[in-house]
Amino acid sequence: MARRTALILFAFVIVFTGLLAGAYQLTRPAIEASAREEKMRLINEVLPAGSYDNDLLGDALKLPPTPELGLADGGEALRARRGGEPAALVLEAIAPDGYAGAIRLILAVSADGRLLGVRVTQHKETPGLGDYIEPKKDKNKERPWIRQFDGLSLATAAAAEWRVKKDGGRFDSMAGATVTPRAVVKAVKKALDYAAANRDALFDSPSVGKEQP
């Protein structure tokens, strides 16, 4: 009896696993298309669509663990080009020191070093207090907090200005929620430094999809 039950369970596992595998293969194209659409939605928020003419996702570069970007497990850089010439870099970055943990970011830096846009893609900051770093949750719809970075560069904002106003810098913060913007400002500045220091290496790498040394 026990042997018969075991055989039935084994057959059930085989059939169930096969059904799951089949369902995954059937839905995989739709899942990948949805992921690609969501990624492009975020990219379009930081990088003007008319500023490049190449296949952005096809010009991706895998990054190794990159402390400057907070990417302990590596990440990805996208190269935007126009007429074959460098136009902008789209980088992932992580601020590890948010109030409630890591804050994930995506940002676009033009070839001449200007921040074209920054967006928070994931965080766990306190609802109603620290989550104003995310435009959808920012009550200031006319000029969300994250838009303070637009157009800034290392040339137009001195190193000492890359702090919240409470610390003597130029960036606004909300009373009682200073840790969150401090973390974002620091991460964005470090990412901008990284883009400036590695601009040519990132754009010139011929190995699309290959990990940087």
N, C-alpha and C. Protein backbone atom coordinates (compact mmCIF):
# COMPACT_ATOMS: atom_id res chain seq x y z
N MET A 1 0.83 -1.22 0.00
CA MET A 1 0.00 0.00 0.00
C MET A 1 0.86 1.26 0.00
N ALA A 2 1.90 1.21 0.90
CA ALA A 2 2.81 2.36 0.99
C ALA A 2 3.51 2.58 -0.35
N ARG A 3 3.90 1.47 -1.00
CA ARG A 3 4.59 1.60 -2.28
C ARG A 3 3.66 2.21 -3.34
N ARG A 4 2.40 1.79 -3.32
CA ARG A 4 1.43 2.32 -4.29
C ARG A 4 1.22 3.83 -4.08
N THR A 5 1.13 4.22 -2.79
CA THR A 5 0.95 5.64 -2.48
C THR A 5 2.15 6.46 -2.94
N ALA A 6 3.35 5.90 -2.70
CA ALA A 6 4.56 6.60 -3.11
C ALA A 6 4.60 6.79 -4.63
N LEU A 7 4.18 5.75 -5.37
CA LEU A 7 4.17 5.84 -6.83
C LEU A 7 3.18 6.88 -7.32
N ILE A 8 2.03 6.93 -6.63
CA ILE A 8 1.02 7.93 -7.01
C ILE A 8 1.56 9.34 -6.77
N LEU A 9 2.19 9.53 -5.60
CA LEU A 9 2.75 10.85 -5.29
C LEU A 9 3.84 11.23 -6.29
N PHE A 10 4.67 10.26 -6.63
CA PHE A 10 5.75 10.50 -7.58
C PHE A 10 5.19 10.91 -8.95
N ALA A 11 4.16 10.19 -9.38
CA ALA A 11 3.53 10.52 -10.66
C ALA A 11 2.90 11.90 -10.62
N PHE A 12 2.29 12.21 -9.48
CA PHE A 12 1.68 13.53 -9.33
C PHE A 12 2.73 14.63 -9.43
N VAL A 13 3.87 14.42 -8.78
CA VAL A 13 4.95 15.43 -8.83
C VAL A 13 5.45 15.61 -10.25
N ILE A 14 5.62 14.49 -10.97
CA ILE A 14 6.11 14.57 -12.35
C ILE A 14 5.14 15.36 -13.22
N VAL A 15 3.84 15.01 -13.11
CA VAL A 15 2.84 15.69 -13.93
C VAL A 15 2.75 17.17 -13.58
N PHE A 16 2.75 17.47 -12.26
CA PHE A 16 2.62 18.86 -11.81
C PHE A 16 3.82 19.68 -12.27
N THR A 17 5.03 19.10 -12.14
CA THR A 17 6.23 19.82 -12.57
C THR A 17 6.18 20.08 -14.08
N GLY A 18 5.72 19.09 -14.83
CA GLY A 18 5.60 19.27 -16.27
C GLY A 18 4.62 20.36 -16.64
N LEU A 19 3.50 20.41 -15.91
CA LEU A 19 2.52 21.47 -16.18
C LEU A 19 3.10 22.85 -15.88
N LEU A 20 3.82 22.94 -14.75
CA LEU A 20 4.43 24.23 -14.40
C LEU A 20 5.45 24.66 -15.45
N ALA A 21 6.28 23.71 -15.88
CA ALA A 21 7.28 24.03 -16.90
C ALA A 21 6.62 24.47 -18.19
N GLY A 22 5.56 23.79 -18.57
CA GLY A 22 4.85 24.15 -19.79
C GLY A 22 4.22 25.52 -19.69
N ALA A 23 3.62 25.81 -18.54
CA ALA A 23 2.99 27.12 -18.34
C ALA A 23 4.02 28.22 -18.39
N TYR A 24 5.21 27.95 -17.80
CA TYR A 24 6.27 28.97 -17.82
C TYR A 24 6.73 29.26 -19.25
N GLN A 25 6.91 28.20 -20.04
CA GLN A 25 7.35 28.40 -21.42
C GLN A 25 6.31 29.16 -22.23
N LEU A 26 5.02 28.89 -21.95
CA LEU A 26 3.96 29.58 -22.68
C LEU A 26 3.90 31.06 -22.32
N THR A 27 4.11 31.37 -21.04
CA THR A 27 3.96 32.75 -20.58
C THR A 27 5.27 33.54 -20.61
N ARG A 28 6.39 32.85 -20.86
CA ARG A 28 7.69 33.52 -20.82
C ARG A 28 7.79 34.74 -21.75
N PRO A 29 7.37 34.63 -23.02
CA PRO A 29 7.45 35.81 -23.90
C PRO A 29 6.67 37.00 -23.35
N ALA A 30 5.48 36.74 -22.81
CA ALA A 30 4.68 37.84 -22.27
C ALA A 30 5.35 38.44 -21.04
N ILE A 31 5.95 37.59 -20.20
CA ILE A 31 6.65 38.09 -19.01
C ILE A 31 7.83 38.95 -19.40
N GLU A 32 8.61 38.50 -20.38
CA GLU A 32 9.78 39.26 -20.82
C GLU A 32 9.37 40.57 -21.47
N ALA A 33 8.29 40.53 -22.23
CA ALA A 33 7.80 41.76 -22.87
C ALA A 33 7.33 42.76 -21.83
N SER A 34 6.67 42.25 -20.78
CA SER A 34 6.19 43.13 -19.72
C SER A 34 7.36 43.75 -18.96
N ALA A 35 8.40 42.93 -18.69
CA ALA A 35 9.58 43.44 -17.98
C ALA A 35 10.29 44.50 -18.82
N ARG A 36 10.36 44.26 -20.13
CA ARG A 36 11.01 45.22 -21.02
C ARG A 36 10.21 46.54 -21.07
N GLU A 37 8.89 46.41 -21.11
CA GLU A 37 8.04 47.60 -21.14
C GLU A 37 8.19 48.42 -19.87
N GLU A 38 8.24 47.73 -18.71
CA GLU A 38 8.38 48.43 -17.43
C GLU A 38 9.75 49.11 -17.34
N LYS A 39 10.77 48.43 -17.84
CA LYS A 39 12.11 49.02 -17.81
C LYS A 39 12.17 50.27 -18.68
N MET A 40 11.57 50.21 -19.87
CA MET A 40 11.58 51.36 -20.76
C MET A 40 10.76 52.51 -20.17
N ARG A 41 9.70 52.17 -19.42
CA ARG A 41 8.91 53.23 -18.79
C ARG A 41 9.77 54.04 -17.83
N LEU A 42 10.56 53.34 -17.02
CA LEU A 42 11.44 54.02 -16.07
C LEU A 42 12.53 54.81 -16.79
N ILE A 43 13.10 54.20 -17.83
CA ILE A 43 14.16 54.88 -18.58
C ILE A 43 13.61 56.15 -19.21
N ASN A 44 12.41 56.08 -19.75
CA ASN A 44 11.83 57.25 -20.39
C ASN A 44 11.57 58.40 -19.41
N GLU A 45 11.52 58.08 -18.12
CA GLU A 45 11.33 59.13 -17.12
C GLU A 45 12.62 59.90 -16.86
N VAL A 46 13.78 59.27 -17.14
CA VAL A 46 15.04 59.96 -16.86
C VAL A 46 15.79 60.36 -18.12
N LEU A 47 15.40 59.78 -19.25
CA LEU A 47 16.14 60.04 -20.49
C LEU A 47 15.16 60.43 -21.59
N PRO A 48 15.25 61.67 -22.09
CA PRO A 48 14.33 62.12 -23.15
C PRO A 48 14.42 61.19 -24.36
N ALA A 49 13.26 60.77 -24.88
CA ALA A 49 13.22 59.80 -25.97
C ALA A 49 13.96 60.29 -27.21
N GLY A 50 13.92 61.58 -27.48
CA GLY A 50 14.55 62.10 -28.69
C GLY A 50 16.04 62.35 -28.57
N SER A 51 16.61 62.02 -27.42
CA SER A 51 18.02 62.33 -27.21
C SER A 51 18.95 61.21 -27.68
N TYR A 52 18.39 60.12 -28.20
CA TYR A 52 19.23 59.02 -28.69
C TYR A 52 18.49 58.32 -29.83
N ASP A 53 19.24 57.57 -30.65
CA ASP A 53 18.60 56.88 -31.76
C ASP A 53 19.08 55.43 -31.87
N ASN A 54 19.73 54.92 -30.87
CA ASN A 54 20.15 53.51 -30.91
C ASN A 54 19.19 52.65 -30.11
N ASP A 55 19.38 51.33 -30.21
CA ASP A 55 18.59 50.39 -29.41
C ASP A 55 19.19 50.36 -28.02
N LEU A 56 18.58 51.10 -27.12
CA LEU A 56 19.16 51.30 -25.79
C LEU A 56 19.36 49.99 -25.05
N LEU A 57 18.33 49.16 -25.01
CA LEU A 57 18.45 47.90 -24.27
C LEU A 57 19.42 46.95 -24.96
N GLY A 58 19.62 47.13 -26.26
CA GLY A 58 20.58 46.29 -26.97
C GLY A 58 22.02 46.77 -26.81
N ASP A 59 22.18 47.94 -26.21
CA ASP A 59 23.53 48.48 -25.99
C ASP A 59 23.83 48.49 -24.49
N ALA A 60 23.45 47.41 -23.84
CA ALA A 60 23.64 47.30 -22.39
C ALA A 60 25.02 46.73 -22.08
N LEU A 61 25.52 47.12 -20.94
CA LEU A 61 26.83 46.67 -20.49
C LEU A 61 26.68 46.15 -19.06
N LYS A 62 27.06 44.91 -18.85
CA LYS A 62 27.00 44.37 -17.50
C LYS A 62 28.16 44.91 -16.68
N LEU A 63 27.86 45.37 -15.49
CA LEU A 63 28.88 45.89 -14.59
C LEU A 63 29.19 44.86 -13.51
N PRO A 64 30.44 44.75 -13.13
CA PRO A 64 30.79 43.88 -12.01
C PRO A 64 30.36 44.58 -10.71
N PRO A 65 30.55 43.94 -9.56
CA PRO A 65 30.29 44.65 -8.30
C PRO A 65 30.99 46.01 -8.32
N THR A 66 30.21 47.06 -8.12
CA THR A 66 30.72 48.43 -8.27
C THR A 66 30.39 49.24 -7.03
N PRO A 67 31.32 49.33 -6.07
CA PRO A 67 31.04 50.04 -4.81
C PRO A 67 30.63 51.49 -5.04
N GLU A 68 31.19 52.12 -6.08
CA GLU A 68 30.85 53.53 -6.33
C GLU A 68 29.36 53.71 -6.60
N LEU A 69 28.73 52.67 -7.13
CA LEU A 69 27.29 52.75 -7.41
C LEU A 69 26.48 52.00 -6.36
N GLY A 70 27.14 51.45 -5.38
CA GLY A 70 26.43 50.68 -4.35
C GLY A 70 25.97 49.33 -4.84
N LEU A 71 26.52 48.87 -5.96
CA LEU A 71 26.06 47.61 -6.58
C LEU A 71 26.96 46.47 -6.11
N ALA A 72 26.62 45.87 -5.00
CA ALA A 72 27.43 44.79 -4.44
C ALA A 72 27.40 43.54 -5.32
N ASP A 73 26.32 43.36 -6.05
CA ASP A 73 26.19 42.19 -6.91
C ASP A 73 26.29 42.54 -8.39
N GLY A 74 26.83 43.71 -8.70
CA GLY A 74 26.91 44.13 -10.08
C GLY A 74 25.62 44.77 -10.56
N GLY A 75 25.63 45.23 -11.79
CA GLY A 75 24.44 45.90 -12.32
C GLY A 75 24.56 46.07 -13.81
N GLU A 76 23.96 47.13 -14.30
CA GLU A 76 23.89 47.31 -15.74
C GLU A 76 24.02 48.79 -16.10
N ALA A 77 24.74 49.05 -17.18
CA ALA A 77 24.80 50.40 -17.73
C ALA A 77 24.26 50.35 -19.15
N LEU A 78 23.45 51.30 -19.50
CA LEU A 78 22.92 51.41 -20.86
C LEU A 78 23.57 52.61 -21.53
N ARG A 79 24.02 52.42 -22.78
CA ARG A 79 24.68 53.49 -23.51
C ARG A 79 23.72 54.07 -24.53
N ALA A 80 23.36 55.34 -24.38
CA ALA A 80 22.53 56.03 -25.36
C ALA A 80 23.45 56.74 -26.34
N ARG A 81 23.18 56.54 -27.62
CA ARG A 81 24.01 57.17 -28.66
C ARG A 81 23.10 57.88 -29.66
N ARG A 82 23.66 58.89 -30.28
CA ARG A 82 22.91 59.60 -31.33
C ARG A 82 23.85 59.79 -32.51
N GLY A 83 23.48 59.24 -33.66
CA GLY A 83 24.37 59.28 -34.80
C GLY A 83 25.67 58.55 -34.55
N GLY A 84 25.63 57.57 -33.66
CA GLY A 84 26.82 56.80 -33.33
C GLY A 84 27.70 57.44 -32.26
N GLU A 85 27.38 58.67 -31.88
CA GLU A 85 28.18 59.37 -30.88
C GLU A 85 27.56 59.23 -29.49
N PRO A 86 28.39 59.20 -28.43
CA PRO A 86 27.85 59.09 -27.07
C PRO A 86 26.87 60.21 -26.75
N ALA A 87 25.72 59.83 -26.19
CA ALA A 87 24.71 60.83 -25.81
C ALA A 87 24.48 60.84 -24.30
N ALA A 88 24.37 59.65 -23.71
CA ALA A 88 24.09 59.61 -22.27
C ALA A 88 24.31 58.19 -21.74
N LEU A 89 24.51 58.11 -20.46
CA LEU A 89 24.60 56.82 -19.77
C LEU A 89 23.40 56.70 -18.84
N VAL A 90 22.79 55.53 -18.83
CA VAL A 90 21.73 55.23 -17.86
C VAL A 90 22.30 54.20 -16.89
N LEU A 91 22.33 54.57 -15.62
CA LEU A 91 22.98 53.73 -14.60
C LEU A 91 22.00 53.36 -13.50
N GLU A 92 22.21 52.17 -12.96
CA GLU A 92 21.53 51.77 -11.73
C GLU A 92 22.43 52.18 -10.58
N ALA A 93 21.85 52.51 -9.44
CA ALA A 93 22.64 52.82 -8.25
C ALA A 93 21.81 52.46 -7.02
N ILE A 94 22.49 52.22 -5.93
CA ILE A 94 21.80 51.89 -4.68
C ILE A 94 22.37 52.76 -3.56
N ALA A 95 21.47 53.42 -2.85
CA ALA A 95 21.84 54.11 -1.62
C ALA A 95 21.61 53.13 -0.47
N PRO A 96 22.67 52.64 0.15
CA PRO A 96 22.50 51.58 1.15
C PRO A 96 22.02 52.07 2.50
N ASP A 97 22.05 53.38 2.70
CA ASP A 97 21.84 53.92 4.04
C ASP A 97 20.56 54.73 4.18
N GLY A 98 19.50 54.26 3.54
CA GLY A 98 18.21 54.88 3.76
C GLY A 98 17.72 54.62 5.18
N TYR A 99 16.69 55.31 5.59
CA TYR A 99 16.17 55.15 6.97
C TYR A 99 15.69 53.72 7.21
N ALA A 100 15.06 53.13 6.20
CA ALA A 100 14.50 51.78 6.35
C ALA A 100 15.21 50.76 5.47
N GLY A 101 16.41 51.09 5.02
CA GLY A 101 17.14 50.14 4.19
C GLY A 101 17.59 50.75 2.88
N ALA A 102 17.95 49.89 1.96
CA ALA A 102 18.49 50.35 0.68
C ALA A 102 17.43 51.05 -0.17
N ILE A 103 17.90 52.05 -0.90
CA ILE A 103 17.04 52.77 -1.84
C ILE A 103 17.64 52.59 -3.23
N ARG A 104 16.88 52.00 -4.13
CA ARG A 104 17.38 51.73 -5.49
C ARG A 104 17.01 52.91 -6.40
N LEU A 105 17.97 53.25 -7.26
CA LEU A 105 17.80 54.40 -8.13
C LEU A 105 18.13 54.05 -9.57
N ILE A 106 17.60 54.85 -10.48
CA ILE A 106 18.05 54.83 -11.87
C ILE A 106 18.29 56.28 -12.24
N LEU A 107 19.39 56.54 -12.96
CA LEU A 107 19.69 57.92 -13.32
C LEU A 107 20.32 57.96 -14.70
N ALA A 108 20.13 59.08 -15.36
CA ALA A 108 20.71 59.29 -16.68
C ALA A 108 21.67 60.47 -16.61
N VAL A 109 22.87 60.26 -17.15
CA VAL A 109 23.90 61.29 -17.17
C VAL A 109 24.27 61.55 -18.62
N SER A 110 24.17 62.79 -19.05
CA SER A 110 24.50 63.11 -20.45
C SER A 110 26.00 62.95 -20.68
N ALA A 111 26.38 62.90 -21.94
CA ALA A 111 27.79 62.71 -22.28
C ALA A 111 28.66 63.85 -21.77
N ASP A 112 28.05 65.04 -21.57
CA ASP A 112 28.83 66.15 -21.03
C ASP A 112 28.71 66.28 -19.51
N GLY A 113 28.15 65.24 -18.87
CA GLY A 113 28.18 65.17 -17.40
C GLY A 113 27.00 65.76 -16.67
N ARG A 114 25.93 66.10 -17.37
CA ARG A 114 24.74 66.65 -16.70
C ARG A 114 23.76 65.54 -16.31
N LEU A 115 23.16 65.70 -15.16
CA LEU A 115 22.11 64.77 -14.75
C LEU A 115 20.84 65.09 -15.53
N LEU A 116 20.38 64.14 -16.31
CA LEU A 116 19.15 64.34 -17.09
C LEU A 116 17.92 63.97 -16.29
N GLY A 117 18.08 63.07 -15.33
CA GLY A 117 16.96 62.67 -14.49
C GLY A 117 17.37 61.61 -13.50
N VAL A 118 16.68 61.58 -12.38
CA VAL A 118 16.89 60.58 -11.34
C VAL A 118 15.52 60.08 -10.88
N ARG A 119 15.38 58.79 -10.71
CA ARG A 119 14.14 58.25 -10.16
C ARG A 119 14.45 57.16 -9.14
N VAL A 120 13.64 57.11 -8.12
CA VAL A 120 13.71 56.02 -7.14
C VAL A 120 12.89 54.86 -7.67
N THR A 121 13.51 53.71 -7.77
CA THR A 121 12.79 52.55 -8.31
C THR A 121 12.31 51.59 -7.22
N GLN A 122 12.91 51.66 -6.05
CA GLN A 122 12.50 50.76 -4.96
C GLN A 122 13.00 51.31 -3.63
N HIS A 123 12.15 51.28 -2.63
CA HIS A 123 12.56 51.72 -1.29
C HIS A 123 11.56 51.21 -0.26
N LYS A 124 11.93 51.38 1.01
CA LYS A 124 11.05 50.96 2.10
C LYS A 124 10.93 52.08 3.13
N GLU A 125 11.08 53.34 2.66
CA GLU A 125 11.04 54.46 3.60
C GLU A 125 9.63 54.62 4.19
N THR A 126 9.57 55.32 5.30
CA THR A 126 8.32 55.45 6.04
C THR A 126 7.23 56.13 5.21
N PRO A 127 6.11 55.45 5.00
CA PRO A 127 5.01 56.06 4.23
C PRO A 127 4.56 57.39 4.84
N GLY A 128 4.41 58.37 3.97
CA GLY A 128 3.93 59.67 4.44
C GLY A 128 5.00 60.55 5.03
N LEU A 129 6.20 60.02 5.21
CA LEU A 129 7.28 60.81 5.81
C LEU A 129 8.50 60.85 4.88
N GLY A 130 9.07 59.67 4.64
CA GLY A 130 10.27 59.63 3.82
C GLY A 130 10.03 59.21 2.39
N ASP A 131 8.80 58.88 2.06
CA ASP A 131 8.56 58.37 0.70
C ASP A 131 8.33 59.47 -0.33
N TYR A 132 8.55 60.73 0.06
CA TYR A 132 8.38 61.81 -0.92
C TYR A 132 9.50 61.82 -1.96
N ILE A 133 10.51 60.98 -1.75
CA ILE A 133 11.57 60.85 -2.77
C ILE A 133 11.04 60.21 -4.04
N GLU A 134 9.87 59.58 -3.94
CA GLU A 134 9.25 58.94 -5.10
C GLU A 134 8.19 59.89 -5.66
N PRO A 135 8.32 60.32 -6.92
CA PRO A 135 7.40 61.33 -7.46
C PRO A 135 5.92 61.01 -7.29
N LYS A 136 5.55 59.75 -7.44
CA LYS A 136 4.13 59.40 -7.33
C LYS A 136 3.59 59.66 -5.93
N LYS A 137 4.47 59.65 -4.92
CA LYS A 137 4.02 59.83 -3.55
C LYS A 137 4.36 61.22 -3.01
N ASP A 138 5.04 62.02 -3.81
CA ASP A 138 5.39 63.37 -3.40
C ASP A 138 4.16 64.27 -3.55
N LYS A 139 3.81 64.99 -2.49
CA LYS A 139 2.63 65.85 -2.53
C LYS A 139 2.87 67.07 -3.42
N ASN A 140 4.12 67.43 -3.62
CA ASN A 140 4.44 68.56 -4.49
C ASN A 140 4.48 68.06 -5.94
N LYS A 141 3.35 68.09 -6.59
CA LYS A 141 3.27 67.56 -7.95
C LYS A 141 3.88 68.51 -8.98
N GLU A 142 3.94 69.81 -8.67
CA GLU A 142 4.48 70.76 -9.64
C GLU A 142 5.99 70.60 -9.76
N ARG A 143 6.65 70.40 -8.65
CA ARG A 143 8.09 70.16 -8.68
C ARG A 143 8.46 69.14 -7.62
N PRO A 144 8.32 67.86 -7.94
CA PRO A 144 8.66 66.80 -6.98
C PRO A 144 10.10 66.93 -6.49
N TRP A 145 10.34 66.47 -5.28
CA TRP A 145 11.66 66.60 -4.66
C TRP A 145 12.78 66.05 -5.54
N ILE A 146 12.55 64.93 -6.20
CA ILE A 146 13.59 64.26 -6.97
C ILE A 146 14.03 65.09 -8.17
N ARG A 147 13.20 66.05 -8.59
CA ARG A 147 13.55 66.87 -9.76
C ARG A 147 14.64 67.90 -9.45
N GLN A 148 15.03 68.02 -8.17
CA GLN A 148 16.11 68.96 -7.82
C GLN A 148 17.43 68.62 -8.51
N PHE A 149 17.57 67.35 -8.90
CA PHE A 149 18.82 66.92 -9.51
C PHE A 149 18.92 67.28 -10.99
N ASP A 150 17.78 67.56 -11.62
CA ASP A 150 17.75 67.78 -13.07
C ASP A 150 18.72 68.88 -13.49
N GLY A 151 19.58 68.56 -14.43
CA GLY A 151 20.47 69.56 -15.01
C GLY A 151 21.75 69.82 -14.23
N LEU A 152 21.87 69.27 -13.02
CA LEU A 152 23.08 69.51 -12.23
C LEU A 152 24.25 68.69 -12.77
N SER A 153 25.44 69.19 -12.51
CA SER A 153 26.65 68.47 -12.89
C SER A 153 27.72 68.79 -11.86
N LEU A 154 28.85 68.12 -11.98
CA LEU A 154 29.95 68.41 -11.06
C LEU A 154 30.50 69.82 -11.31
N ALA A 155 30.26 70.35 -12.51
CA ALA A 155 30.75 71.69 -12.83
C ALA A 155 29.83 72.78 -12.29
N THR A 156 28.53 72.48 -12.20
CA THR A 156 27.58 73.51 -11.78
C THR A 156 27.23 73.45 -10.30
N ALA A 157 27.59 72.38 -9.63
CA ALA A 157 27.34 72.26 -8.19
C ALA A 157 28.63 71.78 -7.52
N ALA A 158 29.19 72.62 -6.68
CA ALA A 158 30.45 72.28 -6.01
C ALA A 158 30.25 71.09 -5.07
N ALA A 159 31.33 70.42 -4.74
CA ALA A 159 31.25 69.22 -3.90
C ALA A 159 30.52 69.50 -2.59
N ALA A 160 30.75 70.66 -2.00
CA ALA A 160 30.14 70.99 -0.71
C ALA A 160 28.63 71.19 -0.81
N GLU A 161 28.12 71.41 -2.03
CA GLU A 161 26.68 71.63 -2.20
C GLU A 161 25.88 70.34 -2.25
N TRP A 162 26.56 69.20 -2.38
CA TRP A 162 25.87 67.92 -2.51
C TRP A 162 25.50 67.39 -1.14
N ARG A 163 24.70 68.19 -0.44
CA ARG A 163 24.17 67.83 0.88
C ARG A 163 22.78 68.45 0.99
N VAL A 164 22.01 68.01 1.98
CA VAL A 164 20.73 68.66 2.23
C VAL A 164 21.01 70.01 2.90
N LYS A 165 20.04 70.92 2.81
CA LYS A 165 20.24 72.28 3.33
C LYS A 165 20.55 72.27 4.83
N LYS A 166 19.98 71.31 5.54
CA LYS A 166 20.23 71.21 6.99
C LYS A 166 21.71 70.99 7.27
N ASP A 167 22.43 70.38 6.33
CA ASP A 167 23.86 70.12 6.49
C ASP A 167 24.72 71.13 5.74
N GLY A 168 24.09 72.20 5.25
CA GLY A 168 24.84 73.23 4.55
C GLY A 168 24.85 73.08 3.05
N GLY A 169 24.11 72.14 2.51
CA GLY A 169 24.08 71.91 1.08
C GLY A 169 22.94 72.65 0.39
N ARG A 170 22.55 72.18 -0.80
CA ARG A 170 21.56 72.89 -1.61
C ARG A 170 20.23 72.14 -1.73
N PHE A 171 20.12 70.95 -1.19
CA PHE A 171 18.93 70.13 -1.42
C PHE A 171 17.93 70.22 -0.26
N ASP A 172 16.69 70.38 -0.63
CA ASP A 172 15.61 70.45 0.36
C ASP A 172 15.45 69.10 1.04
N SER A 173 14.85 69.13 2.21
CA SER A 173 14.48 67.91 2.91
C SER A 173 13.25 68.21 3.75
N MET A 174 12.59 67.16 4.18
CA MET A 174 11.38 67.33 4.99
C MET A 174 11.74 67.16 6.47
N ALA A 175 11.20 68.02 7.32
CA ALA A 175 11.47 67.92 8.76
C ALA A 175 11.11 66.52 9.26
N GLY A 176 12.05 65.93 9.98
CA GLY A 176 11.79 64.60 10.53
C GLY A 176 12.13 63.46 9.59
N ALA A 177 12.58 63.80 8.40
CA ALA A 177 12.91 62.75 7.43
C ALA A 177 14.16 63.15 6.65
N THR A 178 15.22 63.45 7.39
CA THR A 178 16.43 63.93 6.73
C THR A 178 17.34 62.78 6.28
N VAL A 179 17.24 61.66 6.98
CA VAL A 179 18.11 60.53 6.64
C VAL A 179 17.89 60.08 5.20
N THR A 180 16.64 60.04 4.80
CA THR A 180 16.30 59.56 3.45
C THR A 180 16.91 60.43 2.35
N PRO A 181 16.68 61.75 2.34
CA PRO A 181 17.29 62.55 1.27
C PRO A 181 18.81 62.59 1.36
N ARG A 182 19.35 62.53 2.58
CA ARG A 182 20.83 62.48 2.69
C ARG A 182 21.37 61.27 1.91
N ALA A 183 20.72 60.13 2.09
CA ALA A 183 21.18 58.90 1.42
C ALA A 183 21.08 59.03 -0.09
N VAL A 184 19.98 59.61 -0.56
CA VAL A 184 19.78 59.74 -2.02
C VAL A 184 20.80 60.72 -2.61
N VAL A 185 20.97 61.86 -1.96
CA VAL A 185 21.91 62.87 -2.47
C VAL A 185 23.32 62.28 -2.55
N LYS A 186 23.72 61.58 -1.49
CA LYS A 186 25.07 60.99 -1.49
C LYS A 186 25.22 59.96 -2.61
N ALA A 187 24.21 59.12 -2.81
CA ALA A 187 24.28 58.09 -3.84
C ALA A 187 24.33 58.71 -5.24
N VAL A 188 23.55 59.75 -5.46
CA VAL A 188 23.53 60.40 -6.77
C VAL A 188 24.89 61.06 -7.04
N LYS A 189 25.45 61.72 -6.04
CA LYS A 189 26.77 62.35 -6.22
C LYS A 189 27.83 61.28 -6.55
N LYS A 190 27.81 60.17 -5.85
CA LYS A 190 28.79 59.11 -6.11
C LYS A 190 28.61 58.54 -7.53
N ALA A 191 27.37 58.41 -7.96
CA ALA A 191 27.11 57.90 -9.31
C ALA A 191 27.60 58.89 -10.37
N LEU A 192 27.41 60.17 -10.10
CA LEU A 192 27.88 61.20 -11.03
C LEU A 192 29.41 61.18 -11.10
N ASP A 193 30.07 61.01 -9.96
CA ASP A 193 31.54 60.89 -9.95
C ASP A 193 31.98 59.67 -10.76
N TYR A 194 31.26 58.58 -10.59
CA TYR A 194 31.60 57.34 -11.30
C TYR A 194 31.43 57.54 -12.82
N ALA A 195 30.36 58.17 -13.23
CA ALA A 195 30.12 58.39 -14.66
C ALA A 195 31.21 59.28 -15.25
N ALA A 196 31.62 60.30 -14.51
CA ALA A 196 32.66 61.20 -15.01
C ALA A 196 34.00 60.47 -15.13
N ALA A 197 34.31 59.64 -14.16
CA ALA A 197 35.61 58.95 -14.15
C ALA A 197 35.69 57.82 -15.17
N ASN A 198 34.54 57.26 -15.53
CA ASN A 198 34.54 56.07 -16.39
C ASN A 198 33.83 56.29 -17.72
N ARG A 199 33.55 57.53 -18.04
CA ARG A 199 32.74 57.84 -19.23
C ARG A 199 33.29 57.15 -20.48
N ASP A 200 34.54 57.40 -20.79
CA ASP A 200 35.11 56.87 -22.04
C ASP A 200 35.15 55.34 -22.04
N ALA A 201 35.53 54.76 -20.91
CA ALA A 201 35.61 53.29 -20.83
C ALA A 201 34.23 52.66 -21.03
N LEU A 202 33.22 53.27 -20.47
CA LEU A 202 31.87 52.73 -20.59
C LEU A 202 31.34 52.86 -22.02
N PHE A 203 31.58 54.02 -22.64
CA PHE A 203 31.07 54.21 -24.00
C PHE A 203 31.87 53.43 -25.03
N ASP A 204 33.18 53.30 -24.80
CA ASP A 204 34.04 52.73 -25.83
C ASP A 204 34.09 51.21 -25.81
N SER A 205 33.59 50.60 -24.75
CA SER A 205 33.65 49.14 -24.68
C SER A 205 32.87 48.53 -25.85
N PRO A 206 33.53 47.69 -26.65
CA PRO A 206 32.85 47.08 -27.80
C PRO A 206 32.05 45.84 -27.42
N SER A 207 32.20 45.41 -26.19
CA SER A 207 31.61 44.13 -25.80
C SER A 207 30.21 44.33 -25.22
N VAL A 208 29.25 44.45 -26.07
CA VAL A 208 27.87 44.61 -25.62
C VAL A 208 27.45 43.36 -24.85
N GLY A 209 26.95 43.59 -23.64
CA GLY A 209 26.48 42.47 -22.83
C GLY A 209 27.58 41.75 -22.08
N LYS A 210 28.85 42.18 -22.31
CA LYS A 210 29.96 41.57 -21.60
C LYS A 210 30.28 42.35 -20.34
N GLU A 211 30.74 41.62 -19.33
CA GLU A 211 31.06 42.27 -18.07
C GLU A 211 32.35 43.05 -18.19
N GLN A 212 32.36 44.26 -17.62
CA GLN A 212 33.55 45.08 -17.62
C GLN A 212 34.62 44.46 -16.74
N PRO A 213 35.92 44.61 -17.11
CA PRO A 213 36.97 44.08 -16.26
C PRO A 213 37.07 44.88 -14.97
